Amino acid sequence: MEDRLRICLIAFMFAPMIGGAETRAEKLAHQLQELGHQVTIITLRHEKRWQRTENINGLSVVRIGGIYSRKGTLHIGRLGHFSIDILLFLMLWRLRHRYDIIYSLQMSPLAVVAVIFGKITHKPTVISIPSTGPGKMLRPEDATLMADTLTDTSFLKVAYNDIMLGDIADLSQTALGGQTMIHFLKQSDAFYQIMSSRSYPYLTSHGFRPEKIFLIPNGVDIEKFHPDPRSRPDPTRPERDILCVARLQYPKGVDVLLHAWARMMKGSAAWRTRLKPRLLLAGTGPLQQQLEQLATALGIHDSVVFLGLRTDVVLLLQQCWSFVLPSRWEGMPNALLEAMACGIPCIATRVSGSEDIIADGINGLLVEPEQPAEMAQALRRMIEDAELAQKLAQEGYATVQRDYQLIHVTRQCVDLYRHALAKDQTAFIASNSTYMKGREYEQQAIHCRRPERTHDEAGSYKRDRGVGRLE
């Protein structure tokens, strides 16, 4: 195939690990291969017992190690990355004839190595920026689950070092020489793929060059995630299962959701005399025990179910009344796109990514993050108003079909790879700069006028905005 691209995809984590980043890497790699391109995945061998090379569902995976603990766990820390970096450089050299472009899924020391290697071998590098982190500085003393109405807060403290604070902050804080690495990346010829509008000012405010930044969102596999009318809840029946699919960690805001659920359930009971709301939490994580304790302390354990890790998420989505994502911050949430693709109505917080996908009251409901009272009102509205829920579900499904299909998003990535490989990038960079400036002004206008948008205005905005367009 004459047009076939050969791509080296570098992922900090990959299967058998399970999470948003791993899911995104795997589905992108599969889609690239289905389009006829060749993909080689380099990732870390987090456990010494894992194989160094492996074929996972048709994907060629190469793992690099480093210094291991006595238990066989890879040491990753401020100093641990140096041995990993050296091994990555050597592996990139060893495999250099198998790829023409390097794509790093995170801004990390691995990405820095990729850029250095790419400069030496004249192979372009594209770095994805998954998360902008919190909009404000998070201090160690602020790392606690929400107390809200609780008086006993002794169990709410969260390990600050376990919180992902966004790509730039994480690189500067977790790697020795992180600030120097960031300065190097800003001066390099690397391209940056952002997945949300908020990521553009996030990068430019830190000194990254606008002409190197390209907006391409996440995509969803609509063949896997799709509506099933036979599984949809009967609106004449009282059951109302609200599903949240999220890793149980601080940025996902599940503690805020539990407080919102408690406020809703302890409010006036008249509105739900014929309804049976239930909150289903699918996922595991470091905060599971604390969140279960929080549900008990709030007196809602009878209506909250911790499902743990599930492999039948599609079926859960198809069977639930609604979906909720209470994140404190995001990048571009896969879980939200998957829920909308399954044709169920969604509630999310006004954070990076989610605010690009949802137009409040049109194709879903948006609430401010860390506002349990506002979230409680949205939950009640979704549970009580079956007609609204159906309308939001239909519009949400249409949004995914139009703007976020995986095949379309992957083709935009391929366009970026081709332009990065092109000898003359002047016209491409110029057109992208014009587009991104237009997007920045557009987003400022949207945020300013969002409260008073009419249905027609919001619908027109969603149709014409051209998310992730490369022109």
Protein backbone atom coordinates (compact mmCIF):
# COMPACT_ATOMS: atom_id res chain seq x y z
CA MET A 1 0.00 0.00 0.00
CA GLU A 2 1.73 3.15 -1.23
CA ASP A 3 0.03 5.51 1.23
CA ARG A 4 0.61 3.31 4.26
CA LEU A 5 2.04 5.09 7.28
CA ARG A 6 4.33 3.40 9.78
CA ILE A 7 3.67 4.71 13.27
CA CYS A 8 5.47 4.11 16.55
CA LEU A 9 2.96 4.66 19.35
CA ILE A 10 4.50 5.28 22.80
CA ALA A 11 2.19 4.66 25.75
CA PHE A 12 3.14 5.03 29.41
CA MET A 13 0.60 2.30 30.22
CA PHE A 14 -1.04 -0.32 28.04
CA ALA A 15 -2.83 -3.66 28.39
CA PRO A 16 -3.14 -5.56 30.65
CA MET A 17 -3.65 -2.29 32.52
CA ILE A 18 -7.17 -0.90 32.18
CA GLY A 19 -8.07 2.79 32.09
CA GLY A 20 -8.98 5.71 29.86
CA ALA A 21 -5.49 6.22 28.41
CA GLU A 22 -5.02 2.51 27.73
CA THR A 23 -8.43 2.26 26.07
CA ARG A 24 -7.70 5.26 23.87
CA ALA A 25 -4.32 3.86 22.82
CA GLU A 26 -5.72 0.45 21.95
CA LYS A 27 -8.72 1.63 19.95
CA LEU A 28 -6.63 4.19 18.03
CA ALA A 29 -4.04 1.54 17.18
CA HIS A 30 -6.71 -0.90 16.00
CA GLN A 31 -8.41 1.74 13.87
CA LEU A 32 -5.11 2.80 12.31
CA GLN A 33 -4.43 -0.81 11.36
CA GLU A 34 -7.92 -1.21 9.93
CA LEU A 35 -7.17 1.79 7.71
CA GLY A 36 -4.11 -0.07 6.41
CA HIS A 37 -1.37 1.56 8.47
CA GLN A 38 1.36 -0.21 10.43
CA VAL A 39 1.52 0.37 14.19
CA THR A 40 4.23 -0.60 16.67
CA ILE A 41 3.44 0.04 20.33
CA ILE A 42 6.21 0.69 22.86
CA THR A 43 5.12 0.72 26.49
CA LEU A 44 6.52 0.05 29.95
CA ARG A 45 6.90 -3.39 31.50
CA HIS A 46 5.40 -2.35 34.83
CA GLU A 47 5.65 -5.89 36.19
CA LYS A 48 8.82 -7.92 35.66
CA ARG A 49 6.74 -11.06 34.99
CA TRP A 50 5.17 -9.48 31.90
CA GLN A 51 6.50 -10.47 28.49
CA ARG A 52 8.93 -8.13 26.73
CA THR A 53 7.18 -8.56 23.38
CA GLU A 54 3.64 -9.67 22.76
CA ASN A 55 0.87 -9.66 20.20
CA ILE A 56 -2.31 -8.34 21.85
CA ASN A 57 -5.42 -8.70 19.69
CA GLY A 58 -3.37 -8.19 16.55
CA LEU A 59 -1.25 -5.34 17.94
CA SER A 60 2.54 -5.60 18.12
CA VAL A 61 3.54 -4.56 21.65
CA VAL A 62 7.12 -4.05 22.88
CA ARG A 63 7.75 -3.42 26.59
CA ILE A 64 10.79 -1.76 28.15
CA GLY A 65 11.82 -2.16 31.77
CA GLY A 66 14.18 -0.43 34.15
CA ILE A 67 14.90 -0.81 37.85
CA TYR A 68 12.53 -3.18 39.66
CA SER A 69 11.63 -3.55 43.31
CA ARG A 70 12.03 -6.85 45.14
CA LYS A 71 8.38 -7.57 44.37
CA GLY A 72 9.05 -7.16 40.65
CA THR A 73 7.34 -3.79 40.22
CA LEU A 74 8.97 -1.21 37.95
CA HIS A 75 10.38 1.74 39.87
CA ILE A 76 8.95 4.97 38.44
CA GLY A 77 9.81 8.16 40.27
CA ARG A 78 11.84 11.31 40.09
CA LEU A 79 14.99 9.24 39.50
CA GLY A 80 13.52 5.98 38.24
CA HIS A 81 12.72 7.35 34.81
CA PHE A 82 16.39 7.74 33.82
CA SER A 83 16.97 4.01 33.30
CA ILE A 84 13.64 3.80 31.48
CA ASP A 85 14.59 6.72 29.24
CA ILE A 86 17.88 5.10 28.23
CA LEU A 87 16.15 1.81 27.42
CA LEU A 88 13.49 3.63 25.40
CA PHE A 89 16.14 5.41 23.34
CA LEU A 90 17.88 2.11 22.63
CA MET A 91 14.58 0.44 21.68
CA LEU A 92 13.65 3.30 19.36
CA TRP A 93 17.04 2.89 17.68
CA ARG A 94 16.64 -0.86 17.41
CA LEU A 95 13.20 -0.55 15.80
CA ARG A 96 13.96 2.58 13.74
CA HIS A 97 13.36 0.83 10.40
CA ARG A 98 9.80 -0.13 11.43
CA TYR A 99 8.34 3.37 11.68
CA ASP A 100 8.46 6.84 10.12
CA ILE A 101 6.70 8.92 12.77
CA ILE A 102 6.53 8.79 16.58
CA TYR A 103 3.27 9.41 18.45
CA SER A 104 3.45 9.78 22.24
CA LEU A 105 0.18 9.52 24.13
CA GLN A 106 1.36 11.60 27.09
CA MET A 107 3.66 14.50 27.86
CA SER A 108 6.19 12.63 29.97
CA PRO A 109 9.93 11.87 30.03
CA LEU A 110 9.13 9.24 27.38
CA ALA A 111 7.90 12.01 25.09
CA VAL A 112 11.10 13.97 25.68
CA VAL A 113 13.18 10.95 24.66
CA ALA A 114 10.99 10.53 21.57
CA VAL A 115 11.55 14.16 20.54
CA ILE A 116 15.32 13.90 21.05
CA PHE A 117 15.46 10.67 19.08
CA GLY A 118 13.24 12.11 16.37
CA LYS A 119 15.52 15.12 15.98
CA ILE A 120 18.57 12.89 15.59
CA THR A 121 16.92 10.55 13.06
CA HIS A 122 14.73 13.18 11.34
CA LYS A 123 11.51 11.42 12.37
CA PRO A 124 8.69 13.83 13.35
CA THR A 125 7.06 13.48 16.77
CA VAL A 126 3.46 14.15 17.77
CA ILE A 127 2.61 14.42 21.49
CA SER A 128 -0.94 14.02 22.77
CA ILE A 129 -2.11 16.12 25.73
CA PRO A 130 -4.79 14.10 27.56
CA SER A 131 -5.48 16.41 30.52
CA THR A 132 -5.32 20.07 31.51
CA GLY A 133 -5.67 19.24 35.19
CA PRO A 134 -7.53 21.48 37.68
CA GLY A 135 -8.16 25.06 36.72
CA LYS A 136 -6.59 26.27 39.97
CA MET A 137 -3.60 25.30 42.10
CA LEU A 138 -4.28 22.23 44.23
CA ARG A 139 -2.23 22.23 47.42
CA PRO A 140 -1.48 19.05 49.40
CA GLU A 141 -3.68 20.27 52.26
CA ASP A 142 -6.59 20.64 49.82
CA ALA A 143 -6.42 16.99 48.76
CA THR A 144 -9.47 15.71 50.62
CA LEU A 145 -12.79 14.27 49.61
CA MET A 146 -15.73 16.64 49.95
CA ALA A 147 -17.17 16.98 53.46
CA ASP A 148 -20.28 19.04 52.59
CA THR A 149 -22.74 18.28 55.42
CA LEU A 150 -20.57 15.72 57.25
CA THR A 151 -19.15 16.49 60.67
CA ASP A 152 -16.77 13.51 60.80
CA THR A 153 -14.08 14.23 58.21
CA SER A 154 -11.36 11.98 59.62
CA PHE A 155 -11.51 9.52 56.70
CA LEU A 156 -11.58 12.02 53.82
CA LYS A 157 -7.85 12.71 53.36
CA VAL A 158 -6.44 11.77 49.92
CA ALA A 159 -2.82 10.96 49.02
CA TYR A 160 -1.68 14.07 47.13
CA ASN A 161 1.02 12.21 45.19
CA ASP A 162 -1.61 9.92 43.67
CA ILE A 163 -3.49 12.82 42.02
CA MET A 164 -2.82 13.52 38.34
CA LEU A 165 -2.63 17.31 38.03
CA GLY A 166 -2.42 17.66 34.25
CA ASP A 167 0.38 16.89 31.82
CA ILE A 168 2.57 19.94 32.42
CA ALA A 169 2.26 19.92 36.21
CA ASP A 170 2.83 16.17 36.41
CA LEU A 171 5.98 16.32 34.29
CA SER A 172 7.43 19.19 36.29
CA GLN A 173 6.66 17.58 39.67
CA THR A 174 7.23 13.87 39.15
CA ALA A 175 10.45 13.81 37.10
CA LEU A 176 13.85 15.17 38.10
CA GLY A 177 14.59 17.97 35.66
CA GLY A 178 10.93 18.23 34.68
CA GLN A 179 11.01 22.00 34.18
CA THR A 180 14.01 21.67 31.87
CA MET A 181 12.15 18.99 29.90
CA ILE A 182 9.15 21.28 29.49
CA HIS A 183 11.38 24.13 28.28
CA PHE A 184 12.98 21.75 25.77
CA LEU A 185 9.60 20.59 24.46
CA LYS A 186 8.43 24.18 24.00
CA GLN A 187 11.47 24.91 21.83
CA SER A 188 11.33 21.66 19.88
CA ASP A 189 9.73 20.90 16.53
CA ALA A 190 7.21 18.49 18.07
CA PHE A 191 3.52 18.77 17.22
CA TYR A 192 0.84 18.66 19.91
CA GLN A 193 -2.56 17.02 19.64
CA ILE A 194 -5.08 18.47 22.08
CA MET A 195 -8.48 16.89 22.62
CA SER A 196 -10.47 19.80 24.01
CA SER A 197 -10.80 23.53 23.43
CA ARG A 198 -9.64 24.31 26.97
CA SER A 199 -6.31 22.61 26.24
CA TYR A 200 -5.36 25.32 23.72
CA PRO A 201 -5.04 28.21 26.23
CA TYR A 202 -3.59 25.68 28.70
CA LEU A 203 -0.64 25.07 26.38
CA THR A 204 -0.21 28.57 24.98
CA SER A 205 -0.29 30.13 28.47
CA HIS A 206 2.71 27.93 29.32
CA GLY A 207 4.61 29.16 26.26
CA PHE A 208 3.91 26.42 23.71
CA ARG A 209 3.73 27.72 20.14
CA PRO A 210 0.16 27.99 18.79
CA GLU A 211 1.16 26.88 15.29
CA LYS A 212 2.22 23.50 16.69
CA ILE A 213 -1.10 22.75 18.41
CA PHE A 214 -3.86 20.76 16.68
CA LEU A 215 -7.33 19.97 18.01
CA ILE A 216 -8.43 16.36 17.49
CA PRO A 217 -10.86 14.96 20.09
CA ASN A 218 -11.36 11.42 21.29
CA GLY A 219 -13.55 9.15 19.20
CA VAL A 220 -15.95 6.33 20.01
CA ASP A 221 -16.44 3.01 18.22
CA ILE A 222 -20.10 3.23 17.23
CA GLU A 223 -20.18 -0.42 16.19
CA LYS A 224 -19.36 -1.47 19.75
CA PHE A 225 -21.21 1.31 21.58
CA HIS A 226 -24.71 1.69 20.16
CA PRO A 227 -28.32 1.89 21.36
CA ASP A 228 -30.34 -1.27 21.97
CA PRO A 229 -34.05 -0.39 22.07
CA ARG A 230 -34.85 -3.82 23.52
CA SER A 231 -32.77 -3.09 26.61
CA ARG A 232 -34.02 0.43 27.31
CA PRO A 233 -35.88 0.90 30.62
CA ASP A 234 -39.65 1.17 30.41
CA PRO A 235 -40.55 4.78 31.40
CA THR A 236 -43.85 3.54 32.86
CA ARG A 237 -41.97 1.46 35.44
CA PRO A 238 -40.56 3.06 38.62
CA GLU A 239 -36.93 1.87 38.31
CA ARG A 240 -34.40 4.61 37.53
CA ASP A 241 -30.82 3.30 37.45
CA ILE A 242 -28.22 6.08 37.08
CA LEU A 243 -24.80 4.79 36.01
CA CYS A 244 -21.37 6.31 36.59
CA VAL A 245 -18.39 4.62 34.90
CA ALA A 246 -15.18 6.04 36.33
CA ARG A 247 -11.96 5.12 38.03
CA LEU A 248 -12.40 5.78 41.75
CA GLN A 249 -9.83 8.54 42.12
CA TYR A 250 -9.94 12.18 43.16
CA PRO A 251 -10.24 13.93 39.75
CA LYS A 252 -13.39 11.93 38.88
CA GLY A 253 -15.37 13.59 41.70
CA VAL A 254 -17.36 10.50 42.72
CA ASP A 255 -17.42 11.82 46.30
CA VAL A 256 -19.23 14.93 45.03
CA LEU A 257 -21.73 12.67 43.26
CA LEU A 258 -22.40 10.78 46.52
CA HIS A 259 -23.11 14.05 48.32
CA ALA A 260 -25.43 15.10 45.49
CA TRP A 261 -27.22 11.75 45.65
CA ALA A 262 -27.67 12.12 49.40
CA ARG A 263 -29.12 15.61 48.98
CA MET A 264 -31.55 14.32 46.34
CA MET A 265 -32.65 11.27 48.32
CA LYS A 266 -33.06 13.21 51.56
CA GLY A 267 -35.03 16.00 49.92
CA SER A 268 -38.78 16.12 49.50
CA ALA A 269 -40.00 12.58 48.90
CA ALA A 270 -43.19 13.64 47.15
CA TRP A 271 -41.60 13.79 43.69
CA ARG A 272 -40.41 10.18 43.82
CA THR A 273 -43.32 8.42 45.46
CA ARG A 274 -43.66 6.29 42.33
CA LEU A 275 -39.98 6.17 41.42
CA LYS A 276 -37.07 4.00 42.62
CA PRO A 277 -33.75 5.76 41.93
CA ARG A 278 -30.54 3.78 42.26
CA LEU A 279 -26.93 4.90 41.69
CA LEU A 280 -24.59 2.35 40.10
CA LEU A 281 -20.82 2.97 40.29
CA ALA A 282 -18.75 0.90 37.85
CA GLY A 283 -15.01 1.03 38.37
CA THR A 284 -12.26 0.49 40.90
CA GLY A 285 -9.50 2.66 42.24
CA PRO A 286 -7.52 3.79 45.27
CA LEU A 287 -10.48 5.59 46.88
CA GLN A 288 -12.99 2.74 46.81
CA GLN A 289 -12.87 2.00 50.54
CA GLN A 290 -13.21 5.70 51.45
CA LEU A 291 -16.08 6.18 49.03
CA GLU A 292 -17.92 3.17 50.41
CA GLN A 293 -17.42 4.60 53.90
CA LEU A 294 -18.71 7.97 52.65
CA ALA A 295 -21.88 6.37 51.24
CA THR A 296 -22.49 4.72 54.63
CA ALA A 297 -21.86 7.96 56.51
CA LEU A 298 -24.34 9.76 54.25
CA GLY A 299 -26.98 7.10 54.84
CA ILE A 300 -27.39 6.24 51.15
CA HIS A 301 -25.81 2.77 51.05
CA ASP A 302 -29.23 1.22 50.33
CA SER A 303 -29.54 3.11 47.02
CA VAL A 304 -25.87 3.08 45.94
CA VAL A 305 -24.22 0.00 44.43
CA PHE A 306 -20.46 -0.32 43.94
CA LEU A 307 -20.20 -2.67 40.96
CA GLY A 308 -16.40 -2.89 40.86
CA LEU A 309 -14.54 -3.54 37.62
CA ARG A 310 -16.97 -4.54 34.86
CA THR A 311 -16.35 -5.98 31.41
CA ASP A 312 -19.98 -5.56 30.32
CA VAL A 313 -20.06 -1.75 30.26
CA VAL A 314 -21.92 -1.65 26.93
CA LEU A 315 -24.75 -3.74 28.35
CA LEU A 316 -24.85 -1.62 31.52
CA LEU A 317 -25.12 1.56 29.47
CA GLN A 318 -27.87 0.15 27.28
CA GLN A 319 -29.92 -0.91 30.30
CA CYS A 320 -29.56 2.20 32.49
CA TRP A 321 -31.90 5.17 32.63
CA SER A 322 -29.13 7.77 32.55
CA PHE A 323 -25.39 8.34 32.86
CA VAL A 324 -23.51 10.80 35.07
CA LEU A 325 -19.87 11.93 35.09
CA PRO A 326 -19.10 14.23 38.09
CA SER A 327 -15.45 15.01 37.24
CA ARG A 328 -13.43 17.71 38.93
CA TRP A 329 -11.39 17.87 35.72
CA GLU A 330 -11.03 15.87 32.51
CA GLY A 331 -9.29 15.75 29.17
CA MET A 332 -11.84 14.36 26.74
CA PRO A 333 -13.86 11.70 28.58
CA ASN A 334 -14.24 8.37 26.77
CA ALA A 335 -16.95 7.28 29.19
CA LEU A 336 -19.19 10.22 28.32
CA LEU A 337 -18.85 9.65 24.57
CA GLU A 338 -19.58 5.94 25.01
CA ALA A 339 -22.72 6.65 27.03
CA MET A 340 -24.02 9.12 24.45
CA ALA A 341 -23.24 6.62 21.67
CA CYS A 342 -25.46 4.10 23.50
CA GLY A 343 -28.34 6.55 23.32
CA ILE A 344 -28.79 7.33 27.00
CA PRO A 345 -29.16 10.85 28.45
CA CYS A 346 -26.09 12.24 30.22
CA ILE A 347 -25.17 14.62 33.03
CA ALA A 348 -21.61 15.93 33.23
CA THR A 349 -19.66 18.75 34.83
CA ARG A 350 -18.52 21.85 32.98
CA VAL A 351 -14.90 20.80 32.62
CA SER A 352 -12.44 20.31 29.78
CA GLY A 353 -13.82 17.98 27.13
CA SER A 354 -17.28 17.54 28.60
CA GLU A 355 -18.12 21.17 27.90
CA ASP A 356 -17.12 20.64 24.24
CA ILE A 357 -19.38 17.61 23.89
CA ILE A 358 -22.48 18.78 25.75
CA ALA A 359 -24.59 21.87 25.12
CA ASP A 360 -26.58 22.26 28.35
CA GLY A 361 -30.24 21.43 27.96
CA ILE A 362 -29.79 20.43 24.31
CA ASN A 363 -27.95 17.11 24.22
CA GLY A 364 -27.30 16.65 27.94
CA LEU A 365 -27.12 18.51 31.24
CA LEU A 366 -24.03 20.41 32.45
CA VAL A 367 -23.41 21.47 36.04
CA GLU A 368 -20.48 23.22 37.66
CA PRO A 369 -17.88 20.89 39.22
CA GLU A 370 -17.89 20.35 43.00
CA GLN A 371 -21.43 21.69 43.35
CA PRO A 372 -23.49 18.88 44.95
CA ALA A 373 -26.67 20.95 45.24
CA GLU A 374 -26.60 21.76 41.52
CA MET A 375 -25.79 18.14 40.67
CA ALA A 376 -28.68 16.96 42.85
CA GLN A 377 -31.10 19.18 40.91
CA ALA A 378 -29.84 17.82 37.60
CA LEU A 379 -30.19 14.21 38.82
CA ARG A 380 -33.74 14.81 39.98
CA ARG A 381 -34.63 16.53 36.73
CA MET A 382 -33.26 13.61 34.70
CA ILE A 383 -35.01 10.99 36.84
CA GLU A 384 -38.35 12.76 37.02
CA ASP A 385 -38.75 14.07 33.47
CA ALA A 386 -38.92 11.11 31.08
CA GLU A 387 -39.69 13.32 28.09
CA LEU A 388 -36.61 15.48 28.70
CA ALA A 389 -34.45 12.39 29.19
CA GLN A 390 -35.57 10.98 25.85
CA LYS A 391 -34.91 14.26 24.02
CA LEU A 392 -31.43 14.61 25.50
CA ALA A 393 -30.61 11.02 24.62
CA GLN A 394 -31.61 11.51 20.98
CA GLU A 395 -29.61 14.73 20.63
CA GLY A 396 -26.62 13.21 22.41
CA TYR A 397 -26.62 10.22 20.08
CA ALA A 398 -26.79 12.55 17.07
CA THR A 399 -23.81 14.54 18.41
CA VAL A 400 -21.61 11.44 18.59
CA GLN A 401 -22.68 10.28 15.15
CA ARG A 402 -21.83 13.66 13.67
CA ASP A 403 -18.64 14.70 15.47
CA TYR A 404 -17.03 11.85 17.41
CA GLN A 405 -17.00 8.64 15.41
CA LEU A 406 -13.69 6.85 15.90
CA ILE A 407 -13.13 6.33 12.17
CA HIS A 408 -13.44 10.07 11.48
CA VAL A 409 -11.21 11.06 14.40
CA THR A 410 -8.55 8.52 13.38
CA ARG A 411 -8.52 9.93 9.84
CA GLN A 412 -7.86 13.36 11.32
CA CYS A 413 -4.90 11.87 13.19
CA VAL A 414 -3.64 10.37 9.93
CA ASP A 415 -3.90 13.79 8.29
CA LEU A 416 -1.79 15.25 11.09
CA TYR A 417 0.81 12.48 10.70
CA ARG A 418 1.00 13.06 6.95
CA HIS A 419 1.45 16.80 7.34
CA ALA A 420 4.11 16.26 10.02
CA LEU A 421 5.97 14.04 7.55
CA ALA A 422 5.64 16.52 4.70
CA LYS A 423 8.75 18.49 3.78
CA ASP A 424 6.83 21.74 3.33
CA GLN A 425 4.57 22.34 6.34
CA THR A 426 4.12 26.08 5.86
CA ALA A 427 0.61 26.06 4.40
CA PHE A 428 -0.57 23.40 6.83
CA ILE A 429 0.68 25.26 9.90
CA ALA A 430 -0.72 28.57 8.64
CA SER A 431 -4.19 27.12 8.08
CA ASN A 432 -4.13 25.45 11.48
CA SER A 433 -3.10 28.70 13.21
CA THR A 434 -6.03 30.50 11.61
CA TYR A 435 -8.40 27.70 12.62
CA MET A 436 -7.21 27.54 16.24
CA LYS A 437 -7.49 31.30 16.69
CA GLY A 438 -11.03 31.10 15.37
CA ARG A 439 -11.77 28.28 17.81
CA GLU A 440 -10.36 30.33 20.69
CA TYR A 441 -12.58 33.32 19.90
CA GLU A 442 -15.55 31.02 19.32
CA GLN A 443 -15.12 29.30 22.69
CA GLN A 444 -14.90 32.65 24.47
CA ALA A 445 -18.14 33.71 22.82
CA ILE A 446 -19.85 30.41 23.60
CA HIS A 447 -18.92 30.59 27.28
CA CYS A 448 -20.13 34.18 27.52
CA ARG A 449 -23.52 33.51 25.95
CA ARG A 450 -24.15 29.92 27.06
CA PRO A 451 -26.87 30.71 29.67
CA GLU A 452 -29.14 32.42 27.17
CA ARG A 453 -28.70 30.18 24.13
CA THR A 454 -31.89 29.05 22.45
CA HIS A 455 -32.38 25.53 21.13
CA ASP A 456 -31.82 26.72 17.56
CA GLU A 457 -28.68 28.65 18.47
CA ALA A 458 -27.14 25.74 20.34
CA GLY A 459 -28.12 23.26 17.66
CA SER A 460 -26.57 25.45 14.98
CA TYR A 461 -23.42 25.82 17.06
CA LYS A 462 -23.07 22.04 17.43
CA ARG A 463 -23.60 21.50 13.71
CA ASP A 464 -21.21 24.14 12.43
CA ARG A 465 -18.32 24.18 14.88
CA GLY A 466 -16.31 21.48 13.10
CA VAL A 467 -14.70 19.81 16.10
CA GLY A 468 -11.19 18.59 15.39
CA ARG A 469 -11.16 19.86 11.83
CA LEU A 470 -7.83 19.84 10.01
CA GLU A 471 -7.91 22.11 7.00
